[in-house]
Amino acid sequence: MRLRKSLEELEQEITALPLRDQLRLIAHISERLSNVPLQEAKQGTDDPDRVLAICDAAAEMWEGDFDACEDLRQIRKERDEQVWLSE
């Protein structure tokens, strides 16, 4: 059984998620990556053109209107509520 999925397989699964879940995933990944030391982050960098192409492709997947700032506020609020309840 194969444990790793290709980028294309992951993209298909992510595209199938509701928009709100996609935004939560982005917030989660962004938060995790913001905690990666700069040296470690630089080791695995791709060609900037390739990274921009991936970002462009991701931007094209979103349909409709949404307020990313409000969604992030809601995600943070929910996370804060979970943290305070667990203490």
PDB file of N, CA and C in Angstrom:
ATOM      1  N   MET A   1       0.825  -1.173   0.000  1.00  0.00           N
ATOM      2  CA  MET A   1       0.000   0.000   0.000  1.00  0.00           C
ATOM      3  C   MET A   1       0.877   1.246   0.000  1.00  0.00           C
ATOM      4  N   ARG A   2       0.562   2.169  -0.890  1.00  0.00           N
ATOM      5  CA  ARG A   2       1.338   3.399  -1.011  1.00  0.00           C
ATOM      6  C   ARG A   2       0.894   4.401   0.051  1.00  0.00           C
ATOM      7  N   LEU A   3       1.848   4.948   0.797  1.00  0.00           N
ATOM      8  CA  LEU A   3       1.517   5.869   1.875  1.00  0.00           C
ATOM      9  C   LEU A   3       1.527   7.330   1.428  1.00  0.00           C
ATOM     10  N   ARG A   4       2.327   7.647   0.432  1.00  0.00           N
ATOM     11  CA  ARG A   4       2.442   9.036  -0.020  1.00  0.00           C
ATOM     12  C   ARG A   4       1.561   9.270  -1.229  1.00  0.00           C
ATOM     13  N   LYS A   5       0.968  10.434  -1.289  1.00  0.00           N
ATOM     14  CA  LYS A   5       0.137  10.811  -2.424  1.00  0.00           C
ATOM     15  C   LYS A   5       0.883  11.836  -3.263  1.00  0.00           C
ATOM     16  N   SER A   6       0.575  11.849  -4.533  1.00  0.00           N
ATOM     17  CA  SER A   6       1.196  12.840  -5.411  1.00  0.00           C
ATOM     18  C   SER A   6       0.524  14.194  -5.191  1.00  0.00           C
ATOM     19  N   LEU A   7       1.187  15.233  -5.617  1.00  0.00           N
ATOM     20  CA  LEU A   7       0.637  16.577  -5.510  1.00  0.00           C
ATOM     21  C   LEU A   7      -0.705  16.654  -6.247  1.00  0.00           C
ATOM     22  N   GLU A   8      -0.788  16.023  -7.387  1.00  0.00           N
ATOM     23  CA  GLU A   8      -2.021  16.044  -8.165  1.00  0.00           C
ATOM     24  C   GLU A   8      -3.169  15.372  -7.404  1.00  0.00           C
ATOM     25  N   GLU A   9      -2.883  14.256  -6.729  1.00  0.00           N
ATOM     26  CA  GLU A   9      -3.910  13.568  -5.946  1.00  0.00           C
ATOM     27  C   GLU A   9      -4.388  14.449  -4.795  1.00  0.00           C
ATOM     28  N   LEU A  10      -3.441  15.101  -4.138  1.00  0.00           N
ATOM     29  CA  LEU A  10      -3.804  15.992  -3.042  1.00  0.00           C
ATOM     30  C   LEU A  10      -4.636  17.170  -3.547  1.00  0.00           C
ATOM     31  N   GLU A  11      -4.253  17.731  -4.684  1.00  0.00           N
ATOM     32  CA  GLU A  11      -4.997  18.856  -5.256  1.00  0.00           C
ATOM     33  C   GLU A  11      -6.432  18.459  -5.551  1.00  0.00           C
ATOM     34  N   GLN A  12      -6.625  17.251  -6.078  1.00  0.00           N
ATOM     35  CA  GLN A  12      -7.975  16.775  -6.375  1.00  0.00           C
ATOM     36  C   GLN A  12      -8.797  16.650  -5.100  1.00  0.00           C
ATOM     37  N   GLU A  13      -8.205  16.114  -4.059  1.00  0.00           N
ATOM     38  CA  GLU A  13      -8.922  15.971  -2.792  1.00  0.00           C
ATOM     39  C   GLU A  13      -9.249  17.331  -2.189  1.00  0.00           C
ATOM     40  N   ILE A  14      -8.288  18.242  -2.248  1.00  0.00           N
ATOM     41  CA  ILE A  14      -8.500  19.573  -1.677  1.00  0.00           C
ATOM     42  C   ILE A  14      -9.577  20.319  -2.455  1.00  0.00           C
ATOM     43  N   THR A  15      -9.572  20.195  -3.771  1.00  0.00           N
ATOM     44  CA  THR A  15     -10.568  20.858  -4.597  1.00  0.00           C
ATOM     45  C   THR A  15     -11.973  20.372  -4.256  1.00  0.00           C
ATOM     46  N   ALA A  16     -12.090  19.132  -3.829  1.00  0.00           N
ATOM     47  CA  ALA A  16     -13.389  18.565  -3.474  1.00  0.00           C
ATOM     48  C   ALA A  16     -13.906  19.075  -2.130  1.00  0.00           C
ATOM     49  N   LEU A  17     -13.040  19.666  -1.327  1.00  0.00           N
ATOM     50  CA  LEU A  17     -13.453  20.181  -0.017  1.00  0.00           C
ATOM     51  C   LEU A  17     -14.287  21.447  -0.174  1.00  0.00           C
ATOM     52  N   PRO A  18     -15.183  21.697   0.773  1.00  0.00           N
ATOM     53  CA  PRO A  18     -15.896  22.983   0.762  1.00  0.00           C
ATOM     54  C   PRO A  18     -14.890  24.126   0.904  1.00  0.00           C
ATOM     55  N   LEU A  19     -15.248  25.280   0.404  1.00  0.00           N
ATOM     56  CA  LEU A  19     -14.347  26.433   0.409  1.00  0.00           C
ATOM     57  C   LEU A  19     -13.856  26.754   1.815  1.00  0.00           C
ATOM     58  N   ARG A  20     -14.740  26.703   2.794  1.00  0.00           N
ATOM     59  CA  ARG A  20     -14.353  27.025   4.172  1.00  0.00           C
ATOM     60  C   ARG A  20     -13.264  26.073   4.664  1.00  0.00           C
ATOM     61  N   ASP A  21     -13.388  24.780   4.340  1.00  0.00           N
ATOM     62  CA  ASP A  21     -12.372  23.808   4.749  1.00  0.00           C
ATOM     63  C   ASP A  21     -11.052  24.041   4.016  1.00  0.00           C
ATOM     64  N   GLN A  22     -11.140  24.458   2.758  1.00  0.00           N
ATOM     65  CA  GLN A  22      -9.916  24.777   2.021  1.00  0.00           C
ATOM     66  C   GLN A  22      -9.195  25.945   2.687  1.00  0.00           C
ATOM     67  N   LEU A  23      -9.956  26.955   3.104  1.00  0.00           N
ATOM     68  CA  LEU A  23      -9.348  28.111   3.771  1.00  0.00           C
ATOM     69  C   LEU A  23      -8.761  27.713   5.119  1.00  0.00           C
ATOM     70  N   ARG A  24      -9.433  26.829   5.833  1.00  0.00           N
ATOM     71  CA  ARG A  24      -8.889  26.347   7.106  1.00  0.00           C
ATOM     72  C   ARG A  24      -7.580  25.597   6.873  1.00  0.00           C
ATOM     73  N   LEU A  25      -7.529  24.819   5.810  1.00  0.00           N
ATOM     74  CA  LEU A  25      -6.305  24.101   5.476  1.00  0.00           C
ATOM     75  C   LEU A  25      -5.172  25.079   5.181  1.00  0.00           C
ATOM     76  N   ILE A  26      -5.478  26.117   4.432  1.00  0.00           N
ATOM     77  CA  ILE A  26      -4.470  27.137   4.129  1.00  0.00           C
ATOM     78  C   ILE A  26      -3.966  27.777   5.419  1.00  0.00           C
ATOM     79  N   ALA A  27      -4.882  28.115   6.310  1.00  0.00           N
ATOM     80  CA  ALA A  27      -4.489  28.740   7.576  1.00  0.00           C
ATOM     81  C   ALA A  27      -3.622  27.791   8.397  1.00  0.00           C
ATOM     82  N   HIS A  28      -4.002  26.522   8.423  1.00  0.00           N
ATOM     83  CA  HIS A  28      -3.234  25.531   9.185  1.00  0.00           C
ATOM     84  C   HIS A  28      -1.821  25.384   8.618  1.00  0.00           C
ATOM     85  N   ILE A  29      -1.731  25.255   7.304  1.00  0.00           N
ATOM     86  CA  ILE A  29      -0.416  25.108   6.670  1.00  0.00           C
ATOM     87  C   ILE A  29       0.415  26.366   6.875  1.00  0.00           C
ATOM     88  N   SER A  30      -0.205  27.533   6.727  1.00  0.00           N
ATOM     89  CA  SER A  30       0.519  28.793   6.919  1.00  0.00           C
ATOM     90  C   SER A  30       1.054  28.910   8.334  1.00  0.00           C
ATOM     91  N   GLU A  31       0.223  28.533   9.295  1.00  0.00           N
ATOM     92  CA  GLU A  31       0.657  28.603  10.697  1.00  0.00           C
ATOM     93  C   GLU A  31       1.824  27.654  10.944  1.00  0.00           C
ATOM     94  N   ARG A  32       1.717  26.446  10.413  1.00  0.00           N
ATOM     95  CA  ARG A  32       2.787  25.456  10.599  1.00  0.00           C
ATOM     96  C   ARG A  32       4.075  25.935   9.939  1.00  0.00           C
ATOM     97  N   LEU A  33       3.978  26.464   8.732  1.00  0.00           N
ATOM     98  CA  LEU A  33       5.172  26.912   8.023  1.00  0.00           C
ATOM     99  C   LEU A  33       5.784  28.156   8.655  1.00  0.00           C
ATOM    100  N   SER A  34       4.956  28.974   9.291  1.00  0.00           N
ATOM    101  CA  SER A  34       5.507  30.172   9.928  1.00  0.00           C
ATOM    102  C   SER A  34       6.392  29.806  11.117  1.00  0.00           C
ATOM    103  N   ASN A  35       6.273  28.583  11.614  1.00  0.00           N
ATOM    104  CA  ASN A  35       7.095  28.129  12.739  1.00  0.00           C
ATOM    105  C   ASN A  35       8.363  27.397  12.284  1.00  0.00           C
ATOM    106  N   VAL A  36       8.559  27.264  10.984  1.00  0.00           N
ATOM    107  CA  VAL A  36       9.746  26.590  10.452  1.00  0.00           C
ATOM    108  C   VAL A  36      10.898  27.591  10.418  1.00  0.00           C
ATOM    109  N   PRO A  37      12.039  27.251  10.996  1.00  0.00           N
ATOM    110  CA  PRO A  37      13.186  28.168  10.940  1.00  0.00           C
ATOM    111  C   PRO A  37      13.550  28.505   9.489  1.00  0.00           C
ATOM    112  N   LEU A  38      13.977  29.725   9.258  1.00  0.00           N
ATOM    113  CA  LEU A  38      14.264  30.213   7.913  1.00  0.00           C
ATOM    114  C   LEU A  38      15.276  29.334   7.183  1.00  0.00           C
ATOM    115  N   GLN A  39      16.341  28.915   7.847  1.00  0.00           N
ATOM    116  CA  GLN A  39      17.353  28.065   7.208  1.00  0.00           C
ATOM    117  C   GLN A  39      16.737  26.763   6.711  1.00  0.00           C
ATOM    118  N   GLU A  40      15.909  26.151   7.542  1.00  0.00           N
ATOM    119  CA  GLU A  40      15.266  24.892   7.163  1.00  0.00           C
ATOM    120  C   GLU A  40      14.315  25.106   5.991  1.00  0.00           C
ATOM    121  N   ALA A  41      13.612  26.223   5.993  1.00  0.00           N
ATOM    122  CA  ALA A  41      12.674  26.520   4.909  1.00  0.00           C
ATOM    123  C   ALA A  41      13.404  26.713   3.590  1.00  0.00           C
ATOM    124  N   LYS A  42      14.586  27.315   3.629  1.00  0.00           N
ATOM    125  CA  LYS A  42      15.338  27.577   2.397  1.00  0.00           C
ATOM    126  C   LYS A  42      15.876  26.299   1.764  1.00  0.00           C
ATOM    127  N   GLN A  43      16.115  25.276   2.550  1.00  0.00           N
ATOM    128  CA  GLN A  43      16.696  24.042   2.022  1.00  0.00           C
ATOM    129  C   GLN A  43      15.811  23.386   0.975  1.00  0.00           C
ATOM    130  N   GLY A  44      14.512  23.465   1.133  1.00  0.00           N
ATOM    131  CA  GLY A  44      13.626  22.772   0.213  1.00  0.00           C
ATOM    132  C   GLY A  44      12.930  23.673  -0.782  1.00  0.00           C
ATOM    133  N   THR A  45      13.449  24.875  -1.002  1.00  0.00           N
ATOM    134  CA  THR A  45      12.759  25.802  -1.891  1.00  0.00           C
ATOM    135  C   THR A  45      12.813  25.330  -3.330  1.00  0.00           C
ATOM    136  N   ASP A  46      11.712  25.575  -4.009  1.00  0.00           N
ATOM    137  CA  ASP A  46      11.595  25.249  -5.425  1.00  0.00           C
ATOM    138  C   ASP A  46      11.961  26.466  -6.257  1.00  0.00           C
ATOM    139  N   ASP A  47      11.955  26.243  -7.531  1.00  0.00           N
ATOM    140  CA  ASP A  47      12.134  27.321  -8.478  1.00  0.00           C
ATOM    141  C   ASP A  47      10.995  28.332  -8.267  1.00  0.00           C
ATOM    142  N   PRO A  48      11.312  29.625  -8.120  1.00  0.00           N
ATOM    143  CA  PRO A  48      10.254  30.621  -7.856  1.00  0.00           C
ATOM    144  C   PRO A  48       9.152  30.630  -8.921  1.00  0.00           C
ATOM    145  N   ASP A  49       9.500  30.403 -10.165  1.00  0.00           N
ATOM    146  CA  ASP A  49       8.481  30.373 -11.215  1.00  0.00           C
ATOM    147  C   ASP A  49       7.504  29.225 -10.993  1.00  0.00           C
ATOM    148  N   ARG A  50       8.016  28.094 -10.544  1.00  0.00           N
ATOM    149  CA  ARG A  50       7.160  26.936 -10.273  1.00  0.00           C
ATOM    150  C   ARG A  50       6.234  27.218  -9.090  1.00  0.00           C
ATOM    151  N   VAL A  51       6.781  27.839  -8.052  1.00  0.00           N
ATOM    152  CA  VAL A  51       5.973  28.174  -6.883  1.00  0.00           C
ATOM    153  C   VAL A  51       4.863  29.146  -7.281  1.00  0.00           C
ATOM    154  N   LEU A  52       5.183  30.166  -8.066  1.00  0.00           N
ATOM    155  CA  LEU A  52       4.170  31.127  -8.507  1.00  0.00           C
ATOM    156  C   LEU A  52       3.112  30.458  -9.376  1.00  0.00           C
ATOM    157  N   ALA A  53       3.528  29.520 -10.200  1.00  0.00           N
ATOM    158  CA  ALA A  53       2.569  28.798 -11.037  1.00  0.00           C
ATOM    159  C   ALA A  53       1.603  27.990 -10.177  1.00  0.00           C
ATOM    160  N   ILE A  54       2.111  27.371  -9.118  1.00  0.00           N
ATOM    161  CA  ILE A  54       1.254  26.612  -8.204  1.00  0.00           C
ATOM    162  C   ILE A  54       0.284  27.557  -7.502  1.00  0.00           C
ATOM    163  N   CYS A  55       0.776  28.711  -7.077  1.00  0.00           N
ATOM    164  CA  CYS A  55      -0.094  29.700  -6.423  1.00  0.00           C
ATOM    165  C   CYS A  55      -1.183  30.183  -7.381  1.00  0.00           C
ATOM    166  N   ASP A  56      -0.823  30.421  -8.625  1.00  0.00           N
ATOM    167  CA  ASP A  56      -1.811  30.841  -9.629  1.00  0.00           C
ATOM    168  C   ASP A  56      -2.865  29.763  -9.836  1.00  0.00           C
ATOM    169  N   ALA A  57      -2.423  28.509  -9.915  1.00  0.00           N
ATOM    170  CA  ALA A  57      -3.366  27.398 -10.098  1.00  0.00           C
ATOM    171  C   ALA A  57      -4.307  27.290  -8.905  1.00  0.00           C
ATOM    172  N   ALA A  58      -3.768  27.476  -7.701  1.00  0.00           N
ATOM    173  CA  ALA A  58      -4.606  27.410  -6.498  1.00  0.00           C
ATOM    174  C   ALA A  58      -5.627  28.545  -6.496  1.00  0.00           C
ATOM    175  N   ALA A  59      -5.215  29.727  -6.901  1.00  0.00           N
ATOM    176  CA  ALA A  59      -6.126  30.875  -6.923  1.00  0.00           C
ATOM    177  C   ALA A  59      -7.274  30.640  -7.901  1.00  0.00           C
ATOM    178  N   GLU A  60      -7.016  29.964  -8.995  1.00  0.00           N
ATOM    179  CA  GLU A  60      -8.052  29.695  -9.987  1.00  0.00           C
ATOM    180  C   GLU A  60      -9.091  28.689  -9.495  1.00  0.00           C
ATOM    181  N   MET A  61      -8.745  27.873  -8.490  1.00  0.00           N
ATOM    182  CA  MET A  61      -9.670  26.850  -7.994  1.00  0.00           C
ATOM    183  C   MET A  61     -10.824  27.462  -7.198  1.00  0.00           C
ATOM    184  N   TRP A  62     -10.614  28.623  -6.580  1.00  0.00           N
ATOM    185  CA  TRP A  62     -11.654  29.210  -5.744  1.00  0.00           C
ATOM    186  C   TRP A  62     -12.697  29.884  -6.596  1.00  0.00           C
ATOM    187  N   GLU A  63     -13.945  29.597  -6.255  1.00  0.00           N
ATOM    188  CA  GLU A  63     -15.063  30.192  -6.970  1.00  0.00           C
ATOM    189  C   GLU A  63     -15.914  30.972  -5.986  1.00  0.00           C
ATOM    190  N   GLY A  64     -16.543  32.020  -6.462  1.00  0.00           N
ATOM    191  CA  GLY A  64     -17.457  32.774  -5.622  1.00  0.00           C
ATOM    192  C   GLY A  64     -16.739  33.787  -4.755  1.00  0.00           C
ATOM    193  N   ASP A  65     -17.563  34.511  -3.994  1.00  0.00           N
ATOM    194  CA  ASP A  65     -17.028  35.547  -3.120  1.00  0.00           C
ATOM    195  C   ASP A  65     -16.791  34.978  -1.729  1.00  0.00           C
ATOM    196  N   PHE A  66     -15.732  35.425  -1.115  1.00  0.00           N
ATOM    197  CA  PHE A  66     -15.475  35.063   0.267  1.00  0.00           C
ATOM    198  C   PHE A  66     -14.606  36.144   0.891  1.00  0.00           C
ATOM    199  N   ASP A  67     -14.675  36.202   2.183  1.00  0.00           N
ATOM    200  CA  ASP A  67     -13.900  37.181   2.936  1.00  0.00           C
ATOM    201  C   ASP A  67     -12.827  36.418   3.701  1.00  0.00           C
ATOM    202  N   ALA A  68     -11.631  36.361   3.147  1.00  0.00           N
ATOM    203  CA  ALA A  68     -10.552  35.580   3.745  1.00  0.00           C
ATOM    204  C   ALA A  68     -10.225  36.072   5.153  1.00  0.00           C
ATOM    205  N   CYS A  69     -10.246  37.375   5.363  1.00  0.00           N
ATOM    206  CA  CYS A  69      -9.930  37.909   6.692  1.00  0.00           C
ATOM    207  C   CYS A  69     -10.960  37.438   7.713  1.00  0.00           C
ATOM    208  N   GLU A  70     -12.226  37.497   7.348  1.00  0.00           N
ATOM    209  CA  GLU A  70     -13.270  37.046   8.275  1.00  0.00           C
ATOM    210  C   GLU A  70     -13.149  35.550   8.538  1.00  0.00           C
ATOM    211  N   ASP A  71     -12.850  34.779   7.512  1.00  0.00           N
ATOM    212  CA  ASP A  71     -12.677  33.335   7.701  1.00  0.00           C
ATOM    213  C   ASP A  71     -11.512  33.046   8.641  1.00  0.00           C
ATOM    214  N   LEU A  72     -10.407  33.766   8.490  1.00  0.00           N
ATOM    215  CA  LEU A  72      -9.268  33.566   9.380  1.00  0.00           C
ATOM    216  C   LEU A  72      -9.602  33.980  10.813  1.00  0.00           C
ATOM    217  N   ARG A  73     -10.351  35.079  10.962  1.00  0.00           N
ATOM    218  CA  ARG A  73     -10.777  35.479  12.308  1.00  0.00           C
ATOM    219  C   ARG A  73     -11.610  34.376  12.961  1.00  0.00           C
ATOM    220  N   GLN A  74     -12.525  33.779  12.174  1.00  0.00           N
ATOM    221  CA  GLN A  74     -13.374  32.718  12.700  1.00  0.00           C
ATOM    222  C   GLN A  74     -12.547  31.489  13.080  1.00  0.00           C
ATOM    223  N   ILE A  75     -11.593  31.141  12.247  1.00  0.00           N
ATOM    224  CA  ILE A  75     -10.730  29.993  12.530  1.00  0.00           C
ATOM    225  C   ILE A  75      -9.934  30.242  13.805  1.00  0.00           C
ATOM    226  N   ARG A  76      -9.387  31.442  13.942  1.00  0.00           N
ATOM    227  CA  ARG A  76      -8.622  31.775  15.149  1.00  0.00           C
ATOM    228  C   ARG A  76      -9.509  31.760  16.388  1.00  0.00           C
ATOM    229  N   LYS A  77     -10.725  32.282  16.248  1.00  0.00           N
ATOM    230  CA  LYS A  77     -11.656  32.286  17.373  1.00  0.00           C
ATOM    231  C   LYS A  77     -11.951  30.858  17.818  1.00  0.00           C
ATOM    232  N   GLU A  78     -12.229  29.978  16.852  1.00  0.00           N
ATOM    233  CA  GLU A  78     -12.508  28.583  17.179  1.00  0.00           C
ATOM    234  C   GLU A  78     -11.295  27.922  17.830  1.00  0.00           C
ATOM    235  N   ARG A  79     -10.114  28.213  17.317  1.00  0.00           N
ATOM    236  CA  ARG A  79      -8.897  27.646  17.897  1.00  0.00           C
ATOM    237  C   ARG A  79      -8.689  28.155  19.323  1.00  0.00           C
ATOM    238  N   ASP A  80      -8.887  29.456  19.520  1.00  0.00           N
ATOM    239  CA  ASP A  80      -8.748  30.026  20.867  1.00  0.00           C
ATOM    240  C   ASP A  80      -9.724  29.386  21.835  1.00  0.00           C
ATOM    241  N   GLU A  81     -10.954  29.161  21.389  1.00  0.00           N
ATOM    242  CA  GLU A  81     -11.937  28.527  22.247  1.00  0.00           C
ATOM    243  C   GLU A  81     -11.498  27.114  22.629  1.00  0.00           C
ATOM    244  N   GLN A  82     -10.918  26.407  21.678  1.00  0.00           N
ATOM    245  CA  GLN A  82     -10.443  25.040  21.978  1.00  0.00           C
ATOM    246  C   GLN A  82      -9.281  25.089  22.955  1.00  0.00           C
ATOM    247  N   VAL A  83      -8.370  26.030  22.771  1.00  0.00           N
ATOM    248  CA  VAL A  83      -7.203  26.139  23.646  1.00  0.00           C
ATOM    249  C   VAL A  83      -7.637  26.482  25.066  1.00  0.00           C
ATOM    250  N   TRP A  84      -8.546  27.453  25.195  1.00  0.00           N
ATOM    251  CA  TRP A  84      -8.963  27.877  26.540  1.00  0.00           C
ATOM    252  C   TRP A  84      -9.766  26.783  27.230  1.00  0.00           C
ATOM    253  N   LEU A  85     -10.524  26.007  26.463  1.00  0.00           N
ATOM    254  CA  LEU A  85     -11.288  24.921  27.080  1.00  0.00           C
ATOM    255  C   LEU A  85     -10.379  23.790  27.549  1.00  0.00           C
ATOM    256  N   SER A  86      -9.260  23.611  26.866  1.00  0.00           N
ATOM    257  CA  SER A  86      -8.371  22.494  27.197  1.00  0.00           C
ATOM    258  C   SER A  86      -7.499  22.796  28.408  1.00  0.00           C
ATOM    259  N   GLU A  87      -7.417  24.033  28.828  1.00  0.00           N
ATOM    260  CA  GLU A  87      -6.538  24.404  29.950  1.00  0.00           C
ATOM    261  C   GLU A  87      -7.209  24.253  31.277  1.00  0.00           C
TER     262      GLU A  87
END
